[in-house]
Amino acid sequence: MCYADTTANPDGTATAHCYCGWSNTYPDHDTADAAAENHTRDAEAAEAEFAATH
């Protein structure tokens, strides 16, 4: 399971990151937060699909 979060950068950008190794830098916190939420939701959906088929 993935748990993505965000970190503010000194230059005003924000980085979305996850313990699974995924990360990306975005122009602002709102965009990074949305990406983190999407990453977590997509990972949960993939895990649920895998569990349903195996």
PDB file of N, CA and C in Angstrom:
ATOM      1  N   MET A   1       0.841  -1.172   0.000  1.00  0.00           N
ATOM      2  CA  MET A   1       0.000   0.000   0.000  1.00  0.00           C
ATOM      3  C   MET A   1       0.891   1.241   0.000  1.00  0.00           C
ATOM      4  N   CYS A   2       0.484   2.233  -0.735  1.00  0.00           N
ATOM      5  CA  CYS A   2       1.241   3.471  -0.834  1.00  0.00           C
ATOM      6  C   CYS A   2       0.612   4.561   0.045  1.00  0.00           C
ATOM      7  N   TYR A   3       1.486   5.355   0.616  1.00  0.00           N
ATOM      8  CA  TYR A   3       1.068   6.507   1.403  1.00  0.00           C
ATOM      9  C   TYR A   3       1.868   7.701   0.920  1.00  0.00           C
ATOM     10  N   ALA A   4       1.297   8.468   0.004  1.00  0.00           N
ATOM     11  CA  ALA A   4       1.994   9.611  -0.562  1.00  0.00           C
ATOM     12  C   ALA A   4       1.767  10.852   0.300  1.00  0.00           C
ATOM     13  N   ASP A   5       2.733  11.737   0.288  1.00  0.00           N
ATOM     14  CA  ASP A   5       2.669  12.980   1.041  1.00  0.00           C
ATOM     15  C   ASP A   5       3.359  14.065   0.225  1.00  0.00           C
ATOM     16  N   THR A   6       3.379  15.273   0.732  1.00  0.00           N
ATOM     17  CA  THR A   6       4.016  16.384   0.031  1.00  0.00           C
ATOM     18  C   THR A   6       4.993  17.100   0.951  1.00  0.00           C
ATOM     19  N   THR A   7       5.967  17.751   0.322  1.00  0.00           N
ATOM     20  CA  THR A   7       6.943  18.561   1.030  1.00  0.00           C
ATOM     21  C   THR A   7       7.089  19.873   0.276  1.00  0.00           C
ATOM     22  N   ALA A   8       7.036  20.984   1.010  1.00  0.00           N
ATOM     23  CA  ALA A   8       7.249  22.304   0.406  1.00  0.00           C
ATOM     24  C   ALA A   8       8.742  22.508   0.171  1.00  0.00           C
ATOM     25  N   ASN A   9       9.078  23.090  -0.967  1.00  0.00           N
ATOM     26  CA  ASN A   9      10.465  23.379  -1.305  1.00  0.00           C
ATOM     27  C   ASN A   9      10.722  24.876  -1.148  1.00  0.00           C
ATOM     28  N   PRO A  10      11.966  25.273  -0.858  1.00  0.00           N
ATOM     29  CA  PRO A  10      12.291  26.686  -0.651  1.00  0.00           C
ATOM     30  C   PRO A  10      11.997  27.587  -1.858  1.00  0.00           C
ATOM     31  N   ASP A  11      11.988  27.003  -3.052  1.00  0.00           N
ATOM     32  CA  ASP A  11      11.756  27.808  -4.254  1.00  0.00           C
ATOM     33  C   ASP A  11      10.270  28.001  -4.568  1.00  0.00           C
ATOM     34  N   GLY A  12       9.386  27.531  -3.673  1.00  0.00           N
ATOM     35  CA  GLY A  12       7.952  27.694  -3.877  1.00  0.00           C
ATOM     36  C   GLY A  12       7.277  26.507  -4.528  1.00  0.00           C
ATOM     37  N   THR A  13       8.064  25.569  -5.034  1.00  0.00           N
ATOM     38  CA  THR A  13       7.479  24.355  -5.599  1.00  0.00           C
ATOM     39  C   THR A  13       7.176  23.385  -4.460  1.00  0.00           C
ATOM     40  N   ALA A  14       6.569  22.270  -4.791  1.00  0.00           N
ATOM     41  CA  ALA A  14       6.301  21.236  -3.800  1.00  0.00           C
ATOM     42  C   ALA A  14       6.587  19.881  -4.425  1.00  0.00           C
ATOM     43  N   THR A  15       7.047  18.966  -3.609  1.00  0.00           N
ATOM     44  CA  THR A  15       7.342  17.627  -4.074  1.00  0.00           C
ATOM     45  C   THR A  15       6.342  16.653  -3.473  1.00  0.00           C
ATOM     46  N   ALA A  16       5.731  15.867  -4.329  1.00  0.00           N
ATOM     47  CA  ALA A  16       4.885  14.767  -3.883  1.00  0.00           C
ATOM     48  C   ALA A  16       5.768  13.532  -3.875  1.00  0.00           C
ATOM     49  N   HIS A  17       5.684  12.732  -2.810  1.00  0.00           N
ATOM     50  CA  HIS A  17       6.554  11.577  -2.689  1.00  0.00           C
ATOM     51  C   HIS A  17       5.858  10.478  -1.913  1.00  0.00           C
ATOM     52  N   CYS A  18       6.362   9.252  -2.105  1.00  0.00           N
ATOM     53  CA  CYS A  18       5.779   8.082  -1.469  1.00  0.00           C
ATOM     54  C   CYS A  18       6.900   7.162  -1.036  1.00  0.00           C
ATOM     55  N   TYR A  19       6.663   6.400   0.019  1.00  0.00           N
ATOM     56  CA  TYR A  19       7.691   5.475   0.484  1.00  0.00           C
ATOM     57  C   TYR A  19       8.023   4.397  -0.545  1.00  0.00           C
ATOM     58  N   CYS A  20       7.144   4.184  -1.534  1.00  0.00           N
ATOM     59  CA  CYS A  20       7.416   3.172  -2.564  1.00  0.00           C
ATOM     60  C   CYS A  20       8.508   3.622  -3.529  1.00  0.00           C
ATOM     61  N   GLY A  21       8.891   4.888  -3.448  1.00  0.00           N
ATOM     62  CA  GLY A  21       9.949   5.402  -4.307  1.00  0.00           C
ATOM     63  C   GLY A  21       9.474   6.424  -5.325  1.00  0.00           C
ATOM     64  N   TRP A  22       8.173   6.544  -5.511  1.00  0.00           N
ATOM     65  CA  TRP A  22       7.618   7.509  -6.460  1.00  0.00           C
ATOM     66  C   TRP A  22       7.790   8.915  -5.907  1.00  0.00           C
ATOM     67  N   SER A  23       8.155   9.844  -6.764  1.00  0.00           N
ATOM     68  CA  SER A  23       8.190  11.264  -6.389  1.00  0.00           C
ATOM     69  C   SER A  23       8.185  12.114  -7.644  1.00  0.00           C
ATOM     70  N   ASN A  24       7.708  13.333  -7.485  1.00  0.00           N
ATOM     71  CA  ASN A  24       7.687  14.283  -8.581  1.00  0.00           C
ATOM     72  C   ASN A  24       7.543  15.675  -7.988  1.00  0.00           C
ATOM     73  N   THR A  25       8.120  16.666  -8.646  1.00  0.00           N
ATOM     74  CA  THR A  25       8.049  18.050  -8.187  1.00  0.00           C
ATOM     75  C   THR A  25       7.020  18.797  -9.015  1.00  0.00           C
ATOM     76  N   TYR A  26       6.217  19.615  -8.341  1.00  0.00           N
ATOM     77  CA  TYR A  26       5.127  20.356  -8.972  1.00  0.00           C
ATOM     78  C   TYR A  26       5.270  21.845  -8.664  1.00  0.00           C
ATOM     79  N   PRO A  27       4.613  22.683  -9.470  1.00  0.00           N
ATOM     80  CA  PRO A  27       4.791  24.124  -9.313  1.00  0.00           C
ATOM     81  C   PRO A  27       4.194  24.710  -8.026  1.00  0.00           C
ATOM     82  N   ASP A  28       3.270  23.990  -7.391  1.00  0.00           N
ATOM     83  CA  ASP A  28       2.678  24.511  -6.157  1.00  0.00           C
ATOM     84  C   ASP A  28       2.164  23.359  -5.292  1.00  0.00           C
ATOM     85  N   HIS A  29       1.820  23.690  -4.060  1.00  0.00           N
ATOM     86  CA  HIS A  29       1.398  22.673  -3.104  1.00  0.00           C
ATOM     87  C   HIS A  29       0.089  22.006  -3.512  1.00  0.00           C
ATOM     88  N   ASP A  30      -0.856  22.760  -4.024  1.00  0.00           N
ATOM     89  CA  ASP A  30      -2.146  22.178  -4.400  1.00  0.00           C
ATOM     90  C   ASP A  30      -1.994  21.115  -5.483  1.00  0.00           C
ATOM     91  N   THR A  31      -1.165  21.381  -6.462  1.00  0.00           N
ATOM     92  CA  THR A  31      -0.933  20.420  -7.537  1.00  0.00           C
ATOM     93  C   THR A  31      -0.223  19.179  -7.002  1.00  0.00           C
ATOM     94  N   ALA A  32       0.762  19.379  -6.140  1.00  0.00           N
ATOM     95  CA  ALA A  32       1.477  18.248  -5.543  1.00  0.00           C
ATOM     96  C   ALA A  32       0.545  17.426  -4.661  1.00  0.00           C
ATOM     97  N   ASP A  33      -0.310  18.087  -3.920  1.00  0.00           N
ATOM     98  CA  ASP A  33      -1.254  17.384  -3.057  1.00  0.00           C
ATOM     99  C   ASP A  33      -2.215  16.531  -3.887  1.00  0.00           C
ATOM    100  N   ALA A  34      -2.706  17.075  -4.974  1.00  0.00           N
ATOM    101  CA  ALA A  34      -3.602  16.316  -5.857  1.00  0.00           C
ATOM    102  C   ALA A  34      -2.877  15.117  -6.443  1.00  0.00           C
ATOM    103  N   ALA A  35      -1.618  15.285  -6.838  1.00  0.00           N
ATOM    104  CA  ALA A  35      -0.844  14.176  -7.392  1.00  0.00           C
ATOM    105  C   ALA A  35      -0.620  13.090  -6.338  1.00  0.00           C
ATOM    106  N   ALA A  36      -0.347  13.491  -5.103  1.00  0.00           N
ATOM    107  CA  ALA A  36      -0.157  12.521  -4.026  1.00  0.00           C
ATOM    108  C   ALA A  36      -1.440  11.730  -3.789  1.00  0.00           C
ATOM    109  N   GLU A  37      -2.567  12.417  -3.774  1.00  0.00           N
ATOM    110  CA  GLU A  37      -3.851  11.739  -3.593  1.00  0.00           C
ATOM    111  C   GLU A  37      -4.117  10.772  -4.745  1.00  0.00           C
ATOM    112  N   ASN A  38      -3.840  11.209  -5.970  1.00  0.00           N
ATOM    113  CA  ASN A  38      -4.039  10.334  -7.129  1.00  0.00           C
ATOM    114  C   ASN A  38      -3.137   9.110  -7.065  1.00  0.00           C
ATOM    115  N   HIS A  39      -1.891   9.307  -6.663  1.00  0.00           N
ATOM    116  CA  HIS A  39      -0.955   8.190  -6.556  1.00  0.00           C
ATOM    117  C   HIS A  39      -1.475   7.165  -5.553  1.00  0.00           C
ATOM    118  N   THR A  40      -1.899   7.624  -4.398  1.00  0.00           N
ATOM    119  CA  THR A  40      -2.411   6.721  -3.374  1.00  0.00           C
ATOM    120  C   THR A  40      -3.660   5.995  -3.864  1.00  0.00           C
ATOM    121  N   ARG A  41      -4.584   6.719  -4.473  1.00  0.00           N
ATOM    122  CA  ARG A  41      -5.826   6.123  -4.973  1.00  0.00           C
ATOM    123  C   ARG A  41      -5.534   5.103  -6.081  1.00  0.00           C
ATOM    124  N   ASP A  42      -4.641   5.448  -7.009  1.00  0.00           N
ATOM    125  CA  ASP A  42      -4.296   4.527  -8.103  1.00  0.00           C
ATOM    126  C   ASP A  42      -3.634   3.259  -7.567  1.00  0.00           C
ATOM    127  N   ALA A  43      -2.767   3.397  -6.577  1.00  0.00           N
ATOM    128  CA  ALA A  43      -2.109   2.235  -5.997  1.00  0.00           C
ATOM    129  C   ALA A  43      -3.122   1.334  -5.298  1.00  0.00           C
ATOM    130  N   GLU A  44      -4.056   1.934  -4.576  1.00  0.00           N
ATOM    131  CA  GLU A  44      -5.088   1.143  -3.904  1.00  0.00           C
ATOM    132  C   GLU A  44      -5.962   0.406  -4.919  1.00  0.00           C
ATOM    133  N   ALA A  45      -6.295   1.066  -6.011  1.00  0.00           N
ATOM    134  CA  ALA A  45      -7.114   0.428  -7.050  1.00  0.00           C
ATOM    135  C   ALA A  45      -6.362  -0.736  -7.683  1.00  0.00           C
ATOM    136  N   ALA A  46      -5.086  -0.569  -7.948  1.00  0.00           N
ATOM    137  CA  ALA A  46      -4.297  -1.643  -8.543  1.00  0.00           C
ATOM    138  C   ALA A  46      -4.187  -2.827  -7.585  1.00  0.00           C
ATOM    139  N   GLU A  47      -4.008  -2.547  -6.303  1.00  0.00           N
ATOM    140  CA  GLU A  47      -3.924  -3.625  -5.325  1.00  0.00           C
ATOM    141  C   GLU A  47      -5.259  -4.364  -5.207  1.00  0.00           C
ATOM    142  N   ALA A  48      -6.358  -3.630  -5.237  1.00  0.00           N
ATOM    143  CA  ALA A  48      -7.676  -4.251  -5.148  1.00  0.00           C
ATOM    144  C   ALA A  48      -7.940  -5.121  -6.374  1.00  0.00           C
ATOM    145  N   GLU A  49      -7.548  -4.645  -7.543  1.00  0.00           N
ATOM    146  CA  GLU A  49      -7.735  -5.420  -8.769  1.00  0.00           C
ATOM    147  C   GLU A  49      -6.900  -6.698  -8.712  1.00  0.00           C
ATOM    148  N   PHE A  50      -5.672  -6.591  -8.258  1.00  0.00           N
ATOM    149  CA  PHE A  50      -4.811  -7.765  -8.152  1.00  0.00           C
ATOM    150  C   PHE A  50      -5.413  -8.782  -7.176  1.00  0.00           C
ATOM    151  N   ALA A  51      -5.879  -8.303  -6.028  1.00  0.00           N
ATOM    152  CA  ALA A  51      -6.448  -9.201  -5.024  1.00  0.00           C
ATOM    153  C   ALA A  51      -7.707  -9.894  -5.555  1.00  0.00           C
ATOM    154  N   ALA A  52      -8.482  -9.194  -6.357  1.00  0.00           N
ATOM    155  CA  ALA A  52      -9.720  -9.765  -6.885  1.00  0.00           C
ATOM    156  C   ALA A  52      -9.455 -10.842  -7.940  1.00  0.00           C
ATOM    157  N   THR A  53      -8.313 -10.776  -8.582  1.00  0.00           N
ATOM    158  CA  THR A  53      -8.030 -11.729  -9.662  1.00  0.00           C
ATOM    159  C   THR A  53      -7.075 -12.847  -9.226  1.00  0.00           C
ATOM    160  N   HIS A  54      -6.575 -12.787  -7.998  1.00  0.00           N
ATOM    161  CA  HIS A  54      -5.628 -13.828  -7.557  1.00  0.00           C
ATOM    162  C   HIS A  54      -6.078 -14.456  -6.258  1.00  0.00           C
TER     163      HIS A  54
END
